[in-house]
Amino acid sequence: MAELDWNAEATLHERDDEGSELQYNFTELKTGPLRDIVAAVAAMDSAQRARLVVAVSGGQSLGVSEVLTLAQEKGLA
């Protein structure tokens, strides 16, 4: 994974598609620096983070497994 700017603006989204893989409706939960968003996701239990995605400024998105890997690498988990 390419090095990320920990101060980049990031947005935490939750997918709300009633279980369908064909529809993707996202609710914005939180915005802030990437470091804060990663720490917030790492602090959640697995049920809370099951449907999350993080959008990072510049067009990159991170799934939960990527966020948890980053949290481990940076000592945020």
N, C-alpha and C. Protein backbone atom coordinates (compact mmCIF):
# COMPACT_ATOMS: atom_id res chain seq x y z
N MET A 1 0.85 -1.17 0.00
CA MET A 1 0.00 0.00 0.00
C MET A 1 0.89 1.23 0.00
N ALA A 2 0.57 2.19 -0.85
CA ALA A 2 1.35 3.42 -0.94
C ALA A 2 1.25 4.19 0.37
N GLU A 3 2.31 4.94 0.66
CA GLU A 3 2.32 5.75 1.88
C GLU A 3 1.22 6.80 1.81
N LEU A 4 0.48 6.93 2.88
CA LEU A 4 -0.64 7.87 2.95
C LEU A 4 -0.27 9.07 3.80
N ASP A 5 -0.87 10.20 3.50
CA ASP A 5 -0.72 11.41 4.28
C ASP A 5 -1.67 11.33 5.48
N TRP A 6 -1.12 11.19 6.66
CA TRP A 6 -1.93 11.02 7.87
C TRP A 6 -2.75 12.26 8.21
N ASN A 7 -2.39 13.41 7.61
CA ASN A 7 -3.13 14.64 7.86
C ASN A 7 -4.16 14.91 6.77
N ALA A 8 -4.23 14.04 5.76
CA ALA A 8 -5.19 14.23 4.67
C ALA A 8 -6.61 14.14 5.21
N GLU A 9 -7.50 14.92 4.62
CA GLU A 9 -8.91 14.87 4.98
C GLU A 9 -9.48 13.51 4.58
N ALA A 10 -10.20 12.90 5.49
CA ALA A 10 -10.80 11.59 5.23
C ALA A 10 -12.24 11.60 5.74
N THR A 11 -13.04 10.75 5.14
CA THR A 11 -14.45 10.64 5.53
C THR A 11 -14.79 9.18 5.75
N LEU A 12 -15.42 8.91 6.87
CA LEU A 12 -15.87 7.57 7.20
C LEU A 12 -17.31 7.42 6.74
N HIS A 13 -17.54 6.41 5.91
CA HIS A 13 -18.87 6.14 5.38
C HIS A 13 -19.33 4.76 5.80
N GLU A 14 -20.63 4.61 5.94
CA GLU A 14 -21.22 3.30 6.20
C GLU A 14 -22.17 2.97 5.06
N ARG A 15 -22.01 1.78 4.52
CA ARG A 15 -22.90 1.33 3.44
C ARG A 15 -24.22 0.88 4.04
N ASP A 16 -25.31 1.37 3.48
CA ASP A 16 -26.65 0.99 3.93
C ASP A 16 -27.41 0.49 2.71
N ASP A 17 -27.27 -0.79 2.44
CA ASP A 17 -27.91 -1.33 1.24
C ASP A 17 -28.83 -2.50 1.55
N GLU A 18 -29.21 -2.64 2.80
CA GLU A 18 -30.12 -3.69 3.22
C GLU A 18 -29.68 -5.08 2.76
N GLY A 19 -28.38 -5.29 2.74
CA GLY A 19 -27.84 -6.59 2.42
C GLY A 19 -27.62 -6.87 0.95
N SER A 20 -28.06 -5.99 0.08
CA SER A 20 -27.89 -6.22 -1.35
C SER A 20 -26.51 -5.79 -1.81
N GLU A 21 -25.88 -6.59 -2.64
CA GLU A 21 -24.59 -6.22 -3.21
C GLU A 21 -24.76 -5.40 -4.48
N LEU A 22 -25.99 -5.14 -4.90
CA LEU A 22 -26.25 -4.41 -6.13
C LEU A 22 -26.49 -2.93 -5.89
N GLN A 23 -26.80 -2.55 -4.66
CA GLN A 23 -27.07 -1.15 -4.35
C GLN A 23 -26.04 -0.66 -3.36
N TYR A 24 -25.58 0.54 -3.57
CA TYR A 24 -24.59 1.11 -2.65
C TYR A 24 -25.04 2.51 -2.25
N ASN A 25 -25.62 2.60 -1.10
CA ASN A 25 -26.02 3.88 -0.52
C ASN A 25 -25.15 4.09 0.71
N PHE A 26 -24.46 5.21 0.76
CA PHE A 26 -23.53 5.46 1.85
C PHE A 26 -23.99 6.62 2.71
N THR A 27 -23.82 6.48 4.01
CA THR A 27 -24.10 7.53 4.97
C THR A 27 -22.77 8.02 5.52
N GLU A 28 -22.58 9.33 5.53
CA GLU A 28 -21.36 9.91 6.08
C GLU A 28 -21.45 9.90 7.60
N LEU A 29 -20.47 9.28 8.25
CA LEU A 29 -20.47 9.18 9.70
C LEU A 29 -19.57 10.19 10.38
N LYS A 30 -18.41 10.47 9.75
CA LYS A 30 -17.42 11.32 10.41
C LYS A 30 -16.41 11.80 9.38
N THR A 31 -15.90 13.01 9.55
CA THR A 31 -14.80 13.51 8.73
C THR A 31 -13.70 14.01 9.65
N GLY A 32 -12.48 14.02 9.13
CA GLY A 32 -11.34 14.51 9.89
C GLY A 32 -10.06 14.01 9.28
N PRO A 33 -8.94 14.24 9.95
CA PRO A 33 -7.66 13.74 9.45
C PRO A 33 -7.67 12.21 9.40
N LEU A 34 -6.98 11.66 8.41
CA LEU A 34 -6.93 10.21 8.24
C LEU A 34 -6.54 9.50 9.53
N ARG A 35 -5.57 10.03 10.26
CA ARG A 35 -5.13 9.39 11.51
C ARG A 35 -6.31 9.22 12.47
N ASP A 36 -7.14 10.24 12.62
CA ASP A 36 -8.28 10.16 13.53
C ASP A 36 -9.33 9.15 13.07
N ILE A 37 -9.55 9.11 11.77
CA ILE A 37 -10.54 8.17 11.23
C ILE A 37 -10.06 6.73 11.41
N VAL A 38 -8.78 6.48 11.12
CA VAL A 38 -8.22 5.14 11.30
C VAL A 38 -8.31 4.71 12.76
N ALA A 39 -7.97 5.61 13.67
CA ALA A 39 -8.05 5.29 15.10
C ALA A 39 -9.49 5.00 15.52
N ALA A 40 -10.44 5.76 15.00
CA ALA A 40 -11.85 5.55 15.34
C ALA A 40 -12.33 4.19 14.87
N VAL A 41 -11.97 3.81 13.65
CA VAL A 41 -12.38 2.50 13.12
C VAL A 41 -11.72 1.37 13.92
N ALA A 42 -10.46 1.53 14.25
CA ALA A 42 -9.75 0.50 15.01
C ALA A 42 -10.37 0.28 16.39
N ALA A 43 -10.96 1.33 16.95
CA ALA A 43 -11.56 1.23 18.28
C ALA A 43 -12.93 0.57 18.27
N MET A 44 -13.52 0.40 17.09
CA MET A 44 -14.85 -0.22 16.98
C MET A 44 -14.74 -1.73 17.05
N ASP A 45 -15.85 -2.38 17.43
CA ASP A 45 -15.86 -3.83 17.37
C ASP A 45 -16.20 -4.26 15.94
N SER A 46 -16.05 -5.52 15.65
CA SER A 46 -16.20 -6.02 14.28
C SER A 46 -17.60 -5.79 13.73
N ALA A 47 -18.62 -5.85 14.56
CA ALA A 47 -19.98 -5.61 14.08
C ALA A 47 -20.18 -4.16 13.66
N GLN A 48 -19.58 -3.22 14.40
CA GLN A 48 -19.71 -1.81 14.08
C GLN A 48 -19.01 -1.45 12.77
N ARG A 49 -17.89 -2.10 12.49
CA ARG A 49 -17.13 -1.72 11.30
C ARG A 49 -17.40 -2.59 10.08
N ALA A 50 -18.35 -3.47 10.15
CA ALA A 50 -18.60 -4.43 9.08
C ALA A 50 -18.94 -3.78 7.74
N ARG A 51 -19.58 -2.64 7.74
CA ARG A 51 -20.06 -2.04 6.49
C ARG A 51 -19.42 -0.67 6.23
N LEU A 52 -18.19 -0.47 6.71
CA LEU A 52 -17.53 0.82 6.61
C LEU A 52 -16.56 0.90 5.44
N VAL A 53 -16.36 2.11 4.97
CA VAL A 53 -15.33 2.43 4.00
C VAL A 53 -14.83 3.84 4.31
N VAL A 54 -13.54 4.06 4.10
CA VAL A 54 -12.94 5.37 4.35
C VAL A 54 -12.54 5.96 3.01
N ALA A 55 -13.01 7.17 2.75
CA ALA A 55 -12.64 7.91 1.55
C ALA A 55 -11.58 8.93 1.95
N VAL A 56 -10.44 8.90 1.25
CA VAL A 56 -9.34 9.81 1.53
C VAL A 56 -9.29 10.83 0.41
N SER A 57 -9.01 12.10 0.76
CA SER A 57 -8.94 13.12 -0.28
C SER A 57 -7.94 12.68 -1.35
N GLY A 58 -8.26 12.98 -2.58
CA GLY A 58 -7.45 12.54 -3.70
C GLY A 58 -8.05 11.34 -4.41
N GLY A 59 -9.19 10.87 -3.92
CA GLY A 59 -9.91 9.81 -4.62
C GLY A 59 -9.63 8.39 -4.17
N GLN A 60 -8.82 8.20 -3.16
CA GLN A 60 -8.53 6.84 -2.69
C GLN A 60 -9.57 6.42 -1.65
N SER A 61 -9.93 5.14 -1.68
CA SER A 61 -10.82 4.61 -0.64
C SER A 61 -10.15 3.41 0.00
N LEU A 62 -10.44 3.21 1.26
CA LEU A 62 -9.85 2.13 2.04
C LEU A 62 -10.96 1.29 2.66
N GLY A 63 -10.86 -0.01 2.50
CA GLY A 63 -11.77 -0.93 3.15
C GLY A 63 -11.35 -1.17 4.58
N VAL A 64 -12.17 -1.86 5.31
CA VAL A 64 -11.91 -2.11 6.72
C VAL A 64 -10.59 -2.86 6.93
N SER A 65 -10.32 -3.87 6.13
CA SER A 65 -9.08 -4.64 6.32
C SER A 65 -7.85 -3.75 6.10
N GLU A 66 -7.91 -2.85 5.13
CA GLU A 66 -6.80 -1.92 4.89
C GLU A 66 -6.64 -0.95 6.06
N VAL A 67 -7.76 -0.46 6.58
CA VAL A 67 -7.72 0.46 7.71
C VAL A 67 -7.12 -0.24 8.93
N LEU A 68 -7.51 -1.47 9.19
CA LEU A 68 -6.99 -2.20 10.34
C LEU A 68 -5.50 -2.51 10.19
N THR A 69 -5.06 -2.79 8.98
CA THR A 69 -3.63 -3.00 8.72
C THR A 69 -2.85 -1.73 9.03
N LEU A 70 -3.35 -0.59 8.55
CA LEU A 70 -2.71 0.70 8.84
C LEU A 70 -2.67 0.98 10.35
N ALA A 71 -3.77 0.70 11.02
CA ALA A 71 -3.83 0.93 12.45
C ALA A 71 -2.78 0.10 13.18
N GLN A 72 -2.62 -1.15 12.78
CA GLN A 72 -1.59 -2.02 13.37
C GLN A 72 -0.19 -1.47 13.11
N GLU A 73 0.07 -1.10 11.86
CA GLU A 73 1.39 -0.59 11.48
C GLU A 73 1.77 0.68 12.23
N LYS A 74 0.79 1.52 12.49
CA LYS A 74 1.05 2.81 13.12
C LYS A 74 0.79 2.81 14.63
N GLY A 75 0.50 1.65 15.20
CA GLY A 75 0.28 1.54 16.63
C GLY A 75 -1.00 2.18 17.11
N LEU A 76 -2.01 2.23 16.25
CA LEU A 76 -3.29 2.83 16.61
C LEU A 76 -4.33 1.80 17.01
N ALA A 77 -3.99 0.54 16.91
CA ALA A 77 -4.96 -0.53 17.22
C ALA A 77 -4.73 -1.06 18.61
